Amino acid sequence: MTDTPTKTAAAKPAHRSGFAAAAREFVLIVVGALIVSSILRAFVGQMFIIPSESMENTLLVGDRVVVEKITDVKRGDVVVFEDPGGWLGAEESGQKRGSVGRFFEVVGLLPDSSHGHLIKRLIGMPGDKVECCDTKGRLLVNGQPLDETSYLYPGDAASQMEFQVTVPAGRIFVMGDHRSASGDSRVHLQDVDAEGGNPGDAAFVPLDKVTGRAILVVWPAGRWDKLGVPDTFKAVPAAAGPPPAKPVISLTPPPK
């Protein structure tokens, strides 16, 4: 009796099998990293490129800043926010990247080019009364004068226009540190918002459009610095009462 030859399946080369496994593992690692990066960008923080001169010399054009999204914003913070409507006509926004660049922005592998966003200093919270200016040319918040010498652009006044406002509920009042080159809340005090509301509504940024607060300058390397709240804001008292539903605005000079 003779043995019948048995057919054996052709064995795959070991090096091919190992390469396929390594390729699959690499793809899984990349996809996992992109998912984690996207989640962090959406809920924790992201990086932005400064697009304009409105925050000089605190922030210069081209600086990369880290913006965190967990902590509530407060007076004195440098905040990034979406255009509340018509603001980007008053100053330049960032250059919009192509589709590939936008993909890497979305997944957090490139800093946001700031297209559609602005960055300013938060001066007034809901209910705060912001005035310009006292007899010494200082901005006042809830009657407390601000010493802005630590961040105001050299040679700039606190504001060239005089005003008194009470910030409405759910909104904030913001100003650039380079006041003479900033299309901030002051510029829009007579504008009507996109919903056709009262004149001046567009001057106050809705809190739900605030992306977060800038906490670090990380690039260029020689510009690395923390971004904190200036000491002068610590002396500002709480608002006198609850915030109004609509902004209260006067563009006549406040009494001296």
Protein backbone atom coordinates (compact mmCIF):
# COMPACT_ATOMS: atom_id res chain seq x y z
CA MET A 1 0.00 0.00 0.00
CA THR A 2 1.44 3.33 -1.04
CA ASP A 3 1.00 6.61 0.74
CA THR A 4 -1.10 9.24 -1.11
CA PRO A 5 0.71 12.55 -1.35
CA THR A 6 -1.11 15.26 0.57
CA LYS A 7 -1.48 18.77 -0.77
CA THR A 8 -0.29 21.51 1.54
CA ALA A 9 -1.39 25.10 1.22
CA ALA A 10 1.30 27.42 0.01
CA ALA A 11 2.64 29.20 3.04
CA LYS A 12 2.73 33.00 2.84
CA PRO A 13 6.19 34.43 3.14
CA ALA A 14 6.79 35.49 6.72
CA HIS A 15 8.15 38.87 5.72
CA ARG A 16 4.95 39.74 3.84
CA SER A 17 2.76 38.80 6.79
CA GLY A 18 4.93 40.86 9.15
CA PHE A 19 4.85 43.89 6.85
CA ALA A 20 1.03 43.78 6.59
CA ALA A 21 0.68 43.57 10.37
CA ALA A 22 3.08 46.48 10.87
CA ALA A 23 1.23 48.54 8.24
CA ARG A 24 -2.12 47.87 9.93
CA GLU A 25 -0.66 48.82 13.31
CA PHE A 26 0.82 52.03 11.87
CA VAL A 27 -2.54 53.00 10.33
CA LEU A 28 -4.33 52.33 13.62
CA ILE A 29 -1.79 54.45 15.52
CA VAL A 30 -2.14 57.35 13.05
CA VAL A 31 -5.95 57.18 13.05
CA GLY A 32 -6.00 56.97 16.85
CA ALA A 33 -3.64 59.95 17.14
CA LEU A 34 -5.80 62.00 14.76
CA ILE A 35 -8.94 61.16 16.75
CA VAL A 36 -7.30 62.10 20.06
CA SER A 37 -5.88 65.30 18.55
CA SER A 38 -9.29 66.25 17.15
CA ILE A 39 -10.98 65.66 20.51
CA LEU A 40 -8.36 67.74 22.32
CA ARG A 41 -8.77 70.53 19.77
CA ALA A 42 -12.56 70.49 20.10
CA PHE A 43 -12.83 70.39 23.89
CA VAL A 44 -9.50 71.20 25.56
CA GLY A 45 -7.40 73.63 23.55
CA GLN A 46 -5.85 74.54 20.24
CA MET A 47 -3.21 76.78 18.74
CA PHE A 48 -3.88 79.98 16.79
CA ILE A 49 -1.72 82.23 14.63
CA ILE A 50 -2.06 85.95 15.42
CA PRO A 51 -3.39 87.57 12.21
CA SER A 52 -3.26 91.34 12.89
CA GLU A 53 -1.61 94.17 14.82
CA SER A 54 -4.59 94.76 17.13
CA MET A 55 -2.96 93.14 20.18
CA GLU A 56 0.56 94.58 19.85
CA ASN A 57 2.85 94.52 21.73
CA THR A 58 1.32 91.78 23.84
CA LEU A 59 0.96 89.66 20.69
CA LEU A 60 2.71 90.21 17.38
CA VAL A 61 1.61 89.18 13.90
CA GLY A 62 2.64 85.56 13.35
CA ASP A 63 2.85 84.62 17.03
CA ARG A 64 1.49 81.16 17.85
CA VAL A 65 -0.67 81.11 20.97
CA VAL A 66 -2.23 78.24 22.90
CA VAL A 67 -5.93 78.75 23.66
CA GLU A 68 -7.54 76.64 26.39
CA LYS A 69 -11.27 75.95 26.36
CA ILE A 70 -11.93 74.50 29.82
CA THR A 71 -11.77 77.51 32.14
CA ASP A 72 -14.45 80.22 32.14
CA VAL A 73 -13.19 83.56 30.83
CA LYS A 74 -12.91 86.60 33.11
CA ARG A 75 -11.98 90.28 33.00
CA GLY A 76 -8.45 90.84 31.77
CA ASP A 77 -8.16 87.57 29.85
CA VAL A 78 -6.96 87.59 26.26
CA VAL A 79 -9.76 85.77 24.45
CA VAL A 80 -10.26 84.25 21.00
CA PHE A 81 -13.76 84.38 19.57
CA GLU A 82 -15.65 83.82 16.35
CA ASP A 83 -16.59 86.91 14.37
CA PRO A 84 -19.87 88.03 16.00
CA GLY A 85 -20.95 89.62 12.72
CA GLY A 86 -19.21 92.17 10.52
CA TRP A 87 -16.12 92.64 12.69
CA LEU A 88 -13.65 91.22 10.21
CA GLY A 89 -14.35 94.11 7.89
CA ALA A 90 -12.72 96.40 10.45
CA GLU A 91 -9.42 94.54 10.53
CA GLU A 92 -7.67 91.75 8.66
CA SER A 93 -8.28 88.12 9.49
CA GLY A 94 -5.87 85.27 8.96
CA GLN A 95 -5.11 83.74 5.58
CA LYS A 96 -7.45 80.86 4.81
CA ARG A 97 -5.62 77.61 4.06
CA GLY A 98 -6.52 75.17 1.32
CA SER A 99 -8.44 71.94 1.90
CA VAL A 100 -5.36 69.97 2.98
CA GLY A 101 -4.26 72.70 5.36
CA ARG A 102 -7.76 72.98 6.81
CA PHE A 103 -7.81 69.21 7.40
CA PHE A 104 -4.61 69.41 9.43
CA GLU A 105 -6.03 72.40 11.32
CA VAL A 106 -9.21 70.47 12.16
CA VAL A 107 -7.27 67.49 13.51
CA GLY A 108 -4.96 69.77 15.47
CA LEU A 109 -1.73 69.11 13.60
CA LEU A 110 -1.43 72.70 12.37
CA PRO A 111 -2.19 75.92 14.29
CA ASP A 112 -5.46 77.53 13.32
CA SER A 113 -4.89 80.27 10.75
CA SER A 114 -7.45 82.37 12.68
CA HIS A 115 -9.61 82.86 9.61
CA GLY A 116 -13.02 83.84 10.96
CA HIS A 117 -11.68 84.45 14.48
CA LEU A 118 -10.47 87.51 16.39
CA ILE A 119 -8.39 87.96 19.54
CA LYS A 120 -8.86 90.81 22.06
CA ARG A 121 -8.65 91.55 25.77
CA LEU A 122 -11.83 91.05 27.78
CA ILE A 123 -12.64 94.36 29.49
CA GLY A 124 -16.26 93.99 30.60
CA MET A 125 -18.31 90.98 31.75
CA PRO A 126 -22.13 90.85 31.70
CA GLY A 127 -23.48 93.64 33.91
CA ASP A 128 -20.21 95.61 33.98
CA LYS A 129 -20.23 99.34 33.32
CA VAL A 130 -17.32 100.36 31.09
CA GLU A 131 -16.51 104.05 30.63
CA CYS A 132 -13.97 106.20 28.88
CA CYS A 133 -12.41 108.07 30.34
CA ASP A 134 -11.64 109.76 33.67
CA THR A 135 -9.76 113.08 34.02
CA LYS A 136 -6.45 111.16 33.77
CA GLY A 137 -7.48 109.46 30.53
CA ARG A 138 -8.01 106.06 32.16
CA LEU A 139 -10.64 103.47 31.28
CA LEU A 140 -13.06 102.69 34.12
CA VAL A 141 -14.83 99.40 34.86
CA ASN A 142 -17.57 99.60 37.50
CA GLY A 143 -16.07 102.94 38.56
CA GLN A 144 -12.56 101.52 39.06
CA PRO A 145 -9.85 103.11 36.86
CA LEU A 146 -7.56 100.67 35.08
CA ASP A 147 -3.79 101.06 35.03
CA GLU A 148 -3.14 99.70 31.53
CA THR A 149 0.52 100.65 31.23
CA SER A 150 1.66 97.01 31.41
CA TYR A 151 -0.11 96.02 28.18
CA LEU A 152 -1.34 99.11 26.31
CA TYR A 153 0.58 99.83 23.09
CA PRO A 154 3.19 102.56 23.72
CA GLY A 155 1.81 105.99 22.85
CA ASP A 156 -1.81 104.82 22.60
CA ALA A 157 -4.57 106.42 24.66
CA ALA A 158 -7.05 104.20 26.48
CA SER A 159 -9.52 105.26 23.78
CA GLN A 160 -9.82 108.15 21.36
CA MET A 161 -13.62 108.00 21.60
CA GLU A 162 -15.62 108.58 24.77
CA PHE A 163 -18.43 106.24 25.75
CA GLN A 164 -20.38 104.66 28.60
CA VAL A 165 -21.80 101.17 28.25
CA THR A 166 -23.40 98.54 30.44
CA VAL A 167 -22.68 95.05 29.10
CA PRO A 168 -25.85 93.00 28.50
CA ALA A 169 -26.54 89.46 29.69
CA GLY A 170 -24.66 86.71 27.90
CA ARG A 171 -22.15 89.06 26.26
CA ILE A 172 -18.74 90.64 26.84
CA PHE A 173 -17.01 93.90 25.89
CA VAL A 174 -13.54 93.52 24.37
CA MET A 175 -10.73 95.85 23.30
CA GLY A 176 -7.38 95.35 21.59
CA ASP A 177 -4.17 96.33 23.39
CA HIS A 178 -3.16 98.35 20.31
CA ARG A 179 -6.18 100.63 20.61
CA SER A 180 -5.38 102.80 17.59
CA ALA A 181 -5.24 99.70 15.34
CA SER A 182 -8.07 97.63 16.79
CA GLY A 183 -11.54 97.15 15.34
CA ASP A 184 -12.98 96.18 18.72
CA SER A 185 -16.23 96.71 20.65
CA ARG A 186 -15.91 100.51 20.50
CA VAL A 187 -15.96 100.52 16.69
CA HIS A 188 -19.32 98.73 16.62
CA LEU A 189 -21.23 100.71 19.25
CA GLN A 190 -23.51 102.17 16.56
CA ASP A 191 -23.79 99.03 14.42
CA VAL A 192 -26.89 96.86 14.16
CA ASP A 193 -26.27 93.14 14.59
CA ALA A 194 -27.07 90.46 12.00
CA GLU A 195 -30.50 89.86 13.54
CA GLY A 196 -31.45 93.50 13.04
CA GLY A 197 -31.47 94.29 16.75
CA ASN A 198 -30.85 97.58 18.49
CA PRO A 199 -27.94 99.79 17.44
CA GLY A 200 -24.91 98.75 19.44
CA ASP A 201 -25.92 95.11 19.91
CA ALA A 202 -23.12 94.07 17.54
CA ALA A 203 -20.50 95.65 19.81
CA PHE A 204 -20.88 92.95 22.46
CA VAL A 205 -19.51 89.47 21.82
CA PRO A 206 -21.87 86.60 22.72
CA LEU A 207 -20.25 84.27 25.26
CA ASP A 208 -21.23 81.28 23.13
CA LYS A 209 -18.93 82.60 20.38
CA VAL A 210 -15.89 82.67 22.67
CA THR A 211 -13.48 79.87 21.74
CA GLY A 212 -11.35 80.21 24.86
CA ARG A 213 -8.64 82.21 26.57
CA ALA A 214 -5.08 82.51 25.29
CA ILE A 215 -2.63 81.29 27.93
CA LEU A 216 0.76 80.92 26.23
CA VAL A 217 2.82 82.35 23.39
CA VAL A 218 4.75 79.31 22.16
CA TRP A 219 6.33 80.51 18.92
CA PRO A 220 8.66 82.07 17.89
CA ALA A 221 10.85 80.50 20.56
CA GLY A 222 12.22 83.85 21.67
CA ARG A 223 8.67 85.09 22.30
CA TRP A 224 7.65 82.27 24.68
CA ASP A 225 5.60 83.80 27.50
CA LYS A 226 2.58 83.23 29.71
CA LEU A 227 -0.53 85.33 29.16
CA GLY A 228 -2.18 86.12 32.47
CA VAL A 229 -4.62 88.66 33.86
CA PRO A 230 -2.98 92.03 34.63
CA ASP A 231 -3.06 92.98 38.31
CA THR A 232 -5.17 96.09 37.66
CA PHE A 233 -8.25 93.92 36.97
CA LYS A 234 -8.07 92.43 40.47
CA ALA A 235 -9.23 95.75 41.94
CA VAL A 236 -12.38 95.94 39.79
CA PRO A 237 -15.51 95.48 41.94
CA ALA A 238 -18.45 93.31 40.97
CA ALA A 239 -21.18 94.80 38.81
CA ALA A 240 -23.70 96.91 40.71
CA GLY A 241 -26.65 94.80 39.64
CA PRO A 242 -27.83 92.07 37.28
CA PRO A 243 -26.94 92.55 33.60
CA PRO A 244 -29.61 94.17 31.43
CA ALA A 245 -31.26 92.22 28.65
CA LYS A 246 -30.16 94.89 26.15
CA PRO A 247 -26.97 96.97 26.16
CA VAL A 248 -27.06 100.43 27.70
CA ILE A 249 -24.96 102.77 25.56
CA SER A 250 -24.11 106.45 25.73
CA LEU A 251 -21.60 108.07 23.39
CA THR A 252 -21.68 111.41 25.12
CA PRO A 253 -18.71 112.26 27.36
CA PRO A 254 -19.16 110.89 30.91
CA PRO A 255 -19.31 113.50 33.67
CA LYS A 256 -15.92 114.46 35.08
